Each structure stands twice: as structure tokens, then as C-alpha cells.
PDB file of N, CA and C in Angstrom:
ATOM      1  N   UNK A   1     140.480  98.671 120.689  1.00  0.00           N
ATOM      2  CA  UNK A   1     140.431  99.520 121.862  1.00  0.00           C
ATOM      3  C   UNK A   1     139.161 100.388 121.805  1.00  0.00           C
ATOM      4  N   UNK A   2     138.590 100.597 122.972  1.00  0.00           N
ATOM      5  CA  UNK A   2     137.434 101.470 123.099  1.00  0.00           C
ATOM      6  C   UNK A   2     137.497 102.145 124.462  1.00  0.00           C
ATOM      7  N   UNK A   3     136.747 103.240 124.589  1.00  0.00           N
ATOM      8  CA  UNK A   3     136.757 104.002 125.837  1.00  0.00           C
ATOM      9  C   UNK A   3     135.394 103.945 126.505  1.00  0.00           C
ATOM     10  N   UNK A   4     135.422 103.782 127.815  1.00  0.00           N
ATOM     11  CA  UNK A   4     134.237 103.928 128.653  1.00  0.00           C
ATOM     12  C   UNK A   4     134.684 104.694 129.887  1.00  0.00           C
ATOM     13  N   UNK A   5     133.975 105.761 130.201  1.00  0.00           N
ATOM     14  CA  UNK A   5     134.310 106.601 131.357  1.00  0.00           C
ATOM     15  C   UNK A   5     135.771 107.048 131.326  1.00  0.00           C
ATOM     16  N   UNK A   6     136.191 107.496 130.129  1.00  0.00           N
ATOM     17  CA  UNK A   6     137.546 108.032 129.932  1.00  0.00           C
ATOM     18  C   UNK A   6     138.664 107.012 130.143  1.00  0.00           C
ATOM     19  N   UNK A   7     138.343 105.739 130.165  1.00  0.00           N
ATOM     20  CA  UNK A   7     139.364 104.700 130.328  1.00  0.00           C
ATOM     21  C   UNK A   7     139.316 103.788 129.111  1.00  0.00           C
ATOM     22  N   UNK A   8     140.506 103.421 128.589  1.00  0.00           N
ATOM     23  CA  UNK A   8     140.578 102.563 127.410  1.00  0.00           C
ATOM     24  C   UNK A   8     140.607 101.089 127.792  1.00  0.00           C
ATOM     25  N   UNK A   9     139.925 100.299 126.953  1.00  0.00           N
ATOM     26  CA  UNK A   9     139.855  98.849 127.156  1.00  0.00           C
ATOM     27  C   UNK A   9     140.122  98.141 125.836  1.00  0.00           C
ATOM     28  N   UNK A  10     140.610  96.934 125.917  1.00  0.00           N
ATOM     29  CA  UNK A  10     140.862  96.087 124.757  1.00  0.00           C
ATOM     30  C   UNK A  10     139.678  95.130 124.621  1.00  0.00           C
ATOM     31  N   UNK A  11     138.932  95.277 123.527  1.00  0.00           N
ATOM     32  CA  UNK A  11     137.724  94.449 123.344  1.00  0.00           C
ATOM     33  C   UNK A  11     138.039  92.958 123.209  1.00  0.00           C
ATOM     34  N   UNK A  12     139.264  92.626 122.830  1.00  0.00           N
ATOM     35  CA  UNK A  12     139.616  91.207 122.698  1.00  0.00           C
ATOM     36  C   UNK A  12     139.740  90.517 124.054  1.00  0.00           C
ATOM     37  N   UNK A  13     139.829  91.311 125.100  1.00  0.00           N
ATOM     38  CA  UNK A  13     139.967  90.737 126.446  1.00  0.00           C
ATOM     39  C   UNK A  13     138.624  90.623 127.173  1.00  0.00           C
ATOM     40  N   UNK A  14     137.561  90.948 126.492  1.00  0.00           N
ATOM     41  CA  UNK A  14     136.231  90.859 127.102  1.00  0.00           C
ATOM     42  C   UNK A  14     135.757  89.413 127.162  1.00  0.00           C
ATOM     43  N   UNK A  15     134.859  89.153 128.076  1.00  0.00           N
ATOM     44  CA  UNK A  15     134.199  87.835 128.120  1.00  0.00           C
ATOM     45  C   UNK A  15     133.291  87.731 126.896  1.00  0.00           C
ATOM     46  N   UNK A  16     132.776  86.528 126.648  1.00  0.00           N
ATOM     47  CA  UNK A  16     131.865  86.351 125.512  1.00  0.00           C
ATOM     48  C   UNK A  16     130.652  87.265 125.645  1.00  0.00           C
ATOM     49  N   UNK A  17     130.108  87.363 126.841  1.00  0.00           N
ATOM     50  CA  UNK A  17     128.960  88.228 127.090  1.00  0.00           C
ATOM     51  C   UNK A  17     129.333  89.695 126.842  1.00  0.00           C
ATOM     52  N   UNK A  18     130.522  90.089 127.261  1.00  0.00           N
ATOM     53  CA  UNK A  18     131.011  91.452 127.036  1.00  0.00           C
ATOM     54  C   UNK A  18     131.207  91.739 125.561  1.00  0.00           C
ATOM     55  N   UNK A  19     131.738  90.739 124.817  1.00  0.00           N
ATOM     56  CA  UNK A  19     131.941  90.906 123.376  1.00  0.00           C
ATOM     57  C   UNK A  19     130.608  91.086 122.650  1.00  0.00           C
ATOM     58  N   UNK A  20     129.594  90.354 123.092  1.00  0.00           N
ATOM     59  CA  UNK A  20     128.261  90.495 122.483  1.00  0.00           C
ATOM     60  C   UNK A  20     127.710  91.892 122.758  1.00  0.00           C
ATOM     61  N   UNK A  21     127.838  92.355 123.998  1.00  0.00           N
ATOM     62  CA  UNK A  21     127.361  93.692 124.354  1.00  0.00           C
ATOM     63  C   UNK A  21     128.113  94.761 123.552  1.00  0.00           C
ATOM     64  N   UNK A  22     129.425  94.597 123.416  1.00  0.00           N
ATOM     65  CA  UNK A  22     130.243  95.539 122.646  1.00  0.00           C
ATOM     66  C   UNK A  22     129.782  95.566 121.189  1.00  0.00           C
ATOM     67  N   UNK A  23     129.560  94.394 120.614  1.00  0.00           N
ATOM     68  CA  UNK A  23     129.095  94.290 119.237  1.00  0.00           C
ATOM     69  C   UNK A  23     127.724  94.950 119.071  1.00  0.00           C
ATOM     70  N   UNK A  24     126.842  94.724 120.027  1.00  0.00           N
ATOM     71  CA  UNK A  24     125.504  95.325 119.963  1.00  0.00           C
ATOM     72  C   UNK A  24     125.587  96.848 120.018  1.00  0.00           C
ATOM     73  N   UNK A  25     126.457  97.355 120.861  1.00  0.00           N
ATOM     74  CA  UNK A  25     126.622  98.810 120.959  1.00  0.00           C
ATOM     75  C   UNK A  25     127.171  99.398 119.661  1.00  0.00           C
ATOM     76  N   UNK A  26     128.061  98.680 119.001  1.00  0.00           N
ATOM     77  CA  UNK A  26     128.577  99.142 117.710  1.00  0.00           C
ATOM     78  C   UNK A  26     127.446  99.190 116.676  1.00  0.00           C
ATOM     79  N   UNK A  27     126.609  98.150 116.656  1.00  0.00           N
ATOM     80  CA  UNK A  27     125.485  98.108 115.716  1.00  0.00           C
ATOM     81  C   UNK A  27     124.489  99.227 116.002  1.00  0.00           C
ATOM     82  N   UNK A  28     124.244  99.495 117.281  1.00  0.00           N
ATOM     83  CA  UNK A  28     123.331 100.571 117.663  1.00  0.00           C
ATOM     84  C   UNK A  28     123.870 101.922 117.197  1.00  0.00           C
ATOM     85  N   UNK A  29     125.164 102.139 117.374  1.00  0.00           N
ATOM     86  CA  UNK A  29     125.786 103.397 116.933  1.00  0.00           C
ATOM     87  C   UNK A  29     125.671 103.560 115.424  1.00  0.00           C
ATOM     88  N   UNK A  30     125.888 102.468 114.683  1.00  0.00           N
ATOM     89  CA  UNK A  30     125.752 102.524 113.223  1.00  0.00           C
ATOM     90  C   UNK A  30     124.311 102.832 112.828  1.00  0.00           C
ATOM     91  N   UNK A  31     123.355 102.221 113.514  1.00  0.00           N
ATOM     92  CA  UNK A  31     121.935 102.455 113.224  1.00  0.00           C
ATOM     93  C   UNK A  31     121.568 103.903 113.522  1.00  0.00           C
ATOM     94  N   UNK A  32     122.067 104.453 114.635  1.00  0.00           N
ATOM     95  CA  UNK A  32     121.791 105.845 114.975  1.00  0.00           C
ATOM     96  C   UNK A  32     122.336 106.786 113.903  1.00  0.00           C
ATOM     97  N   UNK A  33     123.537 106.507 113.416  1.00  0.00           N
ATOM     98  CA  UNK A  33     124.119 107.323 112.351  1.00  0.00           C
ATOM     99  C   UNK A  33     123.277 107.234 111.096  1.00  0.00           C
ATOM    100  N   UNK A  34     122.870 106.022 110.741  1.00  0.00           N
ATOM    101  CA  UNK A  34     122.046 105.816 109.553  1.00  0.00           C
ATOM    102  C   UNK A  34     120.705 106.544 109.672  1.00  0.00           C
ATOM    103  N   UNK A  35     120.068 106.448 110.827  1.00  0.00           N
ATOM    104  CA  UNK A  35     118.787 107.119 111.038  1.00  0.00           C
ATOM    105  C   UNK A  35     118.937 108.634 111.011  1.00  0.00           C
ATOM    106  N   UNK A  36     120.033 109.127 111.559  1.00  0.00           N
ATOM    107  CA  UNK A  36     120.289 110.565 111.550  1.00  0.00           C
ATOM    108  C   UNK A  36     120.446 111.076 110.118  1.00  0.00           C
ATOM    109  N   UNK A  37     121.184 110.334 109.302  1.00  0.00           N
ATOM    110  CA  UNK A  37     121.352 110.716 107.901  1.00  0.00           C
ATOM    111  C   UNK A  37     120.027 110.644 107.150  1.00  0.00           C
ATOM    112  N   UNK A  38     119.249 109.615 107.434  1.00  0.00           N
ATOM    113  CA  UNK A  38     117.945 109.475 106.787  1.00  0.00           C
ATOM    114  C   UNK A  38     117.029 110.640 107.176  1.00  0.00           C
ATOM    115  N   UNK A  39     117.060 111.042 108.426  1.00  0.00           N
ATOM    116  CA  UNK A  39     116.250 112.171 108.881  1.00  0.00           C
ATOM    117  C   UNK A  39     116.677 113.464 108.181  1.00  0.00           C
ATOM    118  N   UNK A  40     117.985 113.668 108.054  1.00  0.00           N
ATOM    119  CA  UNK A  40     118.484 114.851 107.346  1.00  0.00           C
ATOM    120  C   UNK A  40     118.011 114.848 105.896  1.00  0.00           C
ATOM    121  N   UNK A  41     118.074 113.677 105.254  1.00  0.00           N
ATOM    122  CA  UNK A  41     117.644 113.579 103.861  1.00  0.00           C
ATOM    123  C   UNK A  41     116.149 113.822 103.709  1.00  0.00           C
ATOM    124  N   UNK A  42     115.344 113.318 104.643  1.00  0.00           N
ATOM    125  CA  UNK A  42     113.898 113.551 104.546  1.00  0.00           C
ATOM    126  C   UNK A  42     113.576 115.025 104.781  1.00  0.00           C
ATOM    127  N   UNK A  43     114.332 115.704 105.638  1.00  0.00           N
ATOM    128  CA  UNK A  43     114.136 117.138 105.857  1.00  0.00           C
ATOM    129  C   UNK A  43     114.449 117.912 104.582  1.00  0.00           C
ATOM    130  N   UNK A  44     115.513 117.534 103.897  1.00  0.00           N
ATOM    131  CA  UNK A  44     115.874 118.187 102.636  1.00  0.00           C
ATOM    132  C   UNK A  44     114.758 117.986 101.613  1.00  0.00           C
ATOM    133  N   UNK A  45     114.263 116.764 101.503  1.00  0.00           N
ATOM    134  CA  UNK A  45     113.175 116.477 100.561  1.00  0.00           C
ATOM    135  C   UNK A  45     111.897 117.226 100.938  1.00  0.00           C
ATOM    136  N   UNK A  46     111.601 117.292 102.219  1.00  0.00           N
ATOM    137  CA  UNK A  46     110.417 118.007 102.687  1.00  0.00           C
ATOM    138  C   UNK A  46     110.515 119.489 102.304  1.00  0.00           C
ATOM    139  N   UNK A  47     111.659 120.090 102.551  1.00  0.00           N
ATOM    140  CA  UNK A  47     111.862 121.503 102.198  1.00  0.00           C
ATOM    141  C   UNK A  47     111.744 121.713 100.688  1.00  0.00           C
ATOM    142  N   UNK A  48     112.331 120.813  99.925  1.00  0.00           N
ATOM    143  CA  UNK A  48     112.306 120.913  98.471  1.00  0.00           C
ATOM    144  C   UNK A  48     110.873 120.848  97.938  1.00  0.00           C
ATOM    145  N   UNK A  49     110.124 119.849  98.371  1.00  0.00           N
ATOM    146  CA  UNK A  49     108.756 119.701  97.873  1.00  0.00           C
ATOM    147  C   UNK A  49     107.842 120.795  98.409  1.00  0.00           C
ATOM    148  N   UNK A  50     108.107 121.295  99.604  1.00  0.00           N
ATOM    149  CA  UNK A  50     107.351 122.427 100.129  1.00  0.00           C
ATOM    150  C   UNK A  50     107.562 123.671  99.282  1.00  0.00           C
ATOM    151  N   UNK A  51     108.804 123.878  98.847  1.00  0.00           N
ATOM    152  CA  UNK A  51     109.115 125.018  97.989  1.00  0.00           C
ATOM    153  C   UNK A  51     108.392 124.891  96.640  1.00  0.00           C
ATOM    154  N   UNK A  52     108.403 123.706  96.074  1.00  0.00           N
ATOM    155  CA  UNK A  52     107.702 123.486  94.801  1.00  0.00           C
ATOM    156  C   UNK A  52     106.206 123.746  94.981  1.00  0.00           C
ATOM    157  N   UNK A  53     105.627 123.236  96.067  1.00  0.00           N
ATOM    158  CA  UNK A  53     104.202 123.433  96.309  1.00  0.00           C
ATOM    159  C   UNK A  53     103.876 124.917  96.424  1.00  0.00           C
ATOM    160  N   UNK A  54     104.692 125.675  97.141  1.00  0.00           N
ATOM    161  CA  UNK A  54     104.455 127.115  97.276  1.00  0.00           C
ATOM    162  C   UNK A  54     104.500 127.814  95.924  1.00  0.00           C
ATOM    163  N   UNK A  55     105.410 127.386  95.062  1.00  0.00           N
ATOM    164  CA  UNK A  55     105.507 127.984  93.727  1.00  0.00           C
ATOM    165  C   UNK A  55     104.274 127.661  92.880  1.00  0.00           C
ATOM    166  N   UNK A  56     103.624 126.548  93.154  1.00  0.00           N
ATOM    167  CA  UNK A  56     102.487 126.100  92.361  1.00  0.00           C
ATOM    168  C   UNK A  56     101.132 126.522  92.927  1.00  0.00           C
ATOM    169  N   UNK A  57     101.126 127.219  94.064  1.00  0.00           N
ATOM    170  CA  UNK A  57      99.865 127.680  94.632  1.00  0.00           C
ATOM    171  C   UNK A  57      99.221 128.700  93.697  1.00  0.00           C
ATOM    172  N   UNK A  58      97.893 128.737  93.664  1.00  0.00           N
ATOM    173  CA  UNK A  58      97.220 129.732  92.816  1.00  0.00           C
ATOM    174  C   UNK A  58      97.634 131.146  93.218  1.00  0.00           C
ATOM    175  N   UNK A  59      97.833 131.968  92.226  1.00  0.00           N
ATOM    176  CA  UNK A  59      98.231 133.354  92.463  1.00  0.00           C
ATOM    177  C   UNK A  59      96.978 134.206  92.619  1.00  0.00           C
ATOM    178  N   UNK A  60      97.022 135.165  93.566  1.00  0.00           N
ATOM    179  CA  UNK A  60      95.908 136.088  93.732  1.00  0.00           C
ATOM    180  C   UNK A  60      96.128 137.274  92.808  1.00  0.00           C
ATOM    181  N   UNK A  61      95.072 137.675  92.136  1.00  0.00           N
ATOM    182  CA  UNK A  61      95.145 138.814  91.238  1.00  0.00           C
ATOM    183  C   UNK A  61      94.131 139.857  91.694  1.00  0.00           C
ATOM    184  N   UNK A  62      94.464 141.112  91.465  1.00  0.00           N
ATOM    185  CA  UNK A  62      93.525 142.180  91.784  1.00  0.00           C
ATOM    186  C   UNK A  62      92.797 142.594  90.505  1.00  0.00           C
ATOM    187  N   UNK A  63      91.489 142.629  90.578  1.00  0.00           N
ATOM    188  CA  UNK A  63      90.688 143.037  89.419  1.00  0.00           C
ATOM    189  C   UNK A  63      89.605 143.990  89.922  1.00  0.00           C
ATOM    190  N   UNK A  64      89.743 145.276  89.599  1.00  0.00           N
ATOM    191  CA  UNK A  64      88.793 146.304  89.994  1.00  0.00           C
ATOM    192  C   UNK A  64      88.520 146.266  91.491  1.00  0.00           C
ATOM    193  N   UNK A  65      89.585 146.218  92.298  1.00  0.00           N
ATOM    194  CA  UNK A  65      89.434 146.281  93.738  1.00  0.00           C
ATOM    195  C   UNK A  65      89.073 144.967  94.401  1.00  0.00           C
ATOM    196  N   UNK A  66      88.837 143.927  93.645  1.00  0.00           N
ATOM    197  CA  UNK A  66      88.496 142.630  94.213  1.00  0.00           C
ATOM    198  C   UNK A  66      89.638 141.662  93.962  1.00  0.00           C
ATOM    199  N   UNK A  67      89.814 140.766  94.921  1.00  0.00           N
ATOM    200  CA  UNK A  67      90.832 139.735  94.748  1.00  0.00           C
ATOM    201  C   UNK A  67      90.171 138.528  94.110  1.00  0.00           C
ATOM    202  N   UNK A  68      90.802 138.016  93.093  1.00  0.00           N
ATOM    203  CA  UNK A  68      90.337 136.755  92.507  1.00  0.00           C
ATOM    204  C   UNK A  68      91.501 135.797  92.454  1.00  0.00           C
ATOM    205  N   UNK A  69      91.184 134.541  92.532  1.00  0.00           N
ATOM    206  CA  UNK A  69      92.240 133.527  92.470  1.00  0.00           C
ATOM    207  C   UNK A  69      92.212 132.887  91.091  1.00  0.00           C
ATOM    208  N   UNK A  70      93.402 132.665  90.580  1.00  0.00           N
ATOM    209  CA  UNK A  70      93.483 132.012  89.270  1.00  0.00           C
ATOM    210  C   UNK A  70      93.924 130.595  89.402  1.00  0.00           C
TER     211      UNK A  70
END
């Protein structure tokens, strides 16, 4: 069973063409979920490596009124 426009349908009663379209839509939904998870994971990795990079940036030090980078 699946819903379209708030109405339930039995996928076993679809024509062959309808069954193919239904199957394609299921695959598309799975791909969208997979891509969404992959995007979330890349955002986490981006934030993580950005934080590491910020920690590794040269520190500015003050020496007799002048800023020097180490």
C-alpha cells in the first residue's frame, strides 16, 4: 500500500508501467535519503577539520608593542 494525494493504493494492482514507476520512485527516495546522510556526514567532517585547522594556525605574540607570528 502507498499513498498519493491522501488516497491509498495497492501497488500489486498497478499496470506493469505503473509498477516500474512505483519502483523508480522508491529507488529515488532511497537515493535522496542516502545523499542527505552523506551531506550530513560531510558537514560533520568539514566542521571537524576546520576546527583542527583553526587550532593549528600560527599564534600571534606581542613583543615590545609589535605583533609577531610564530
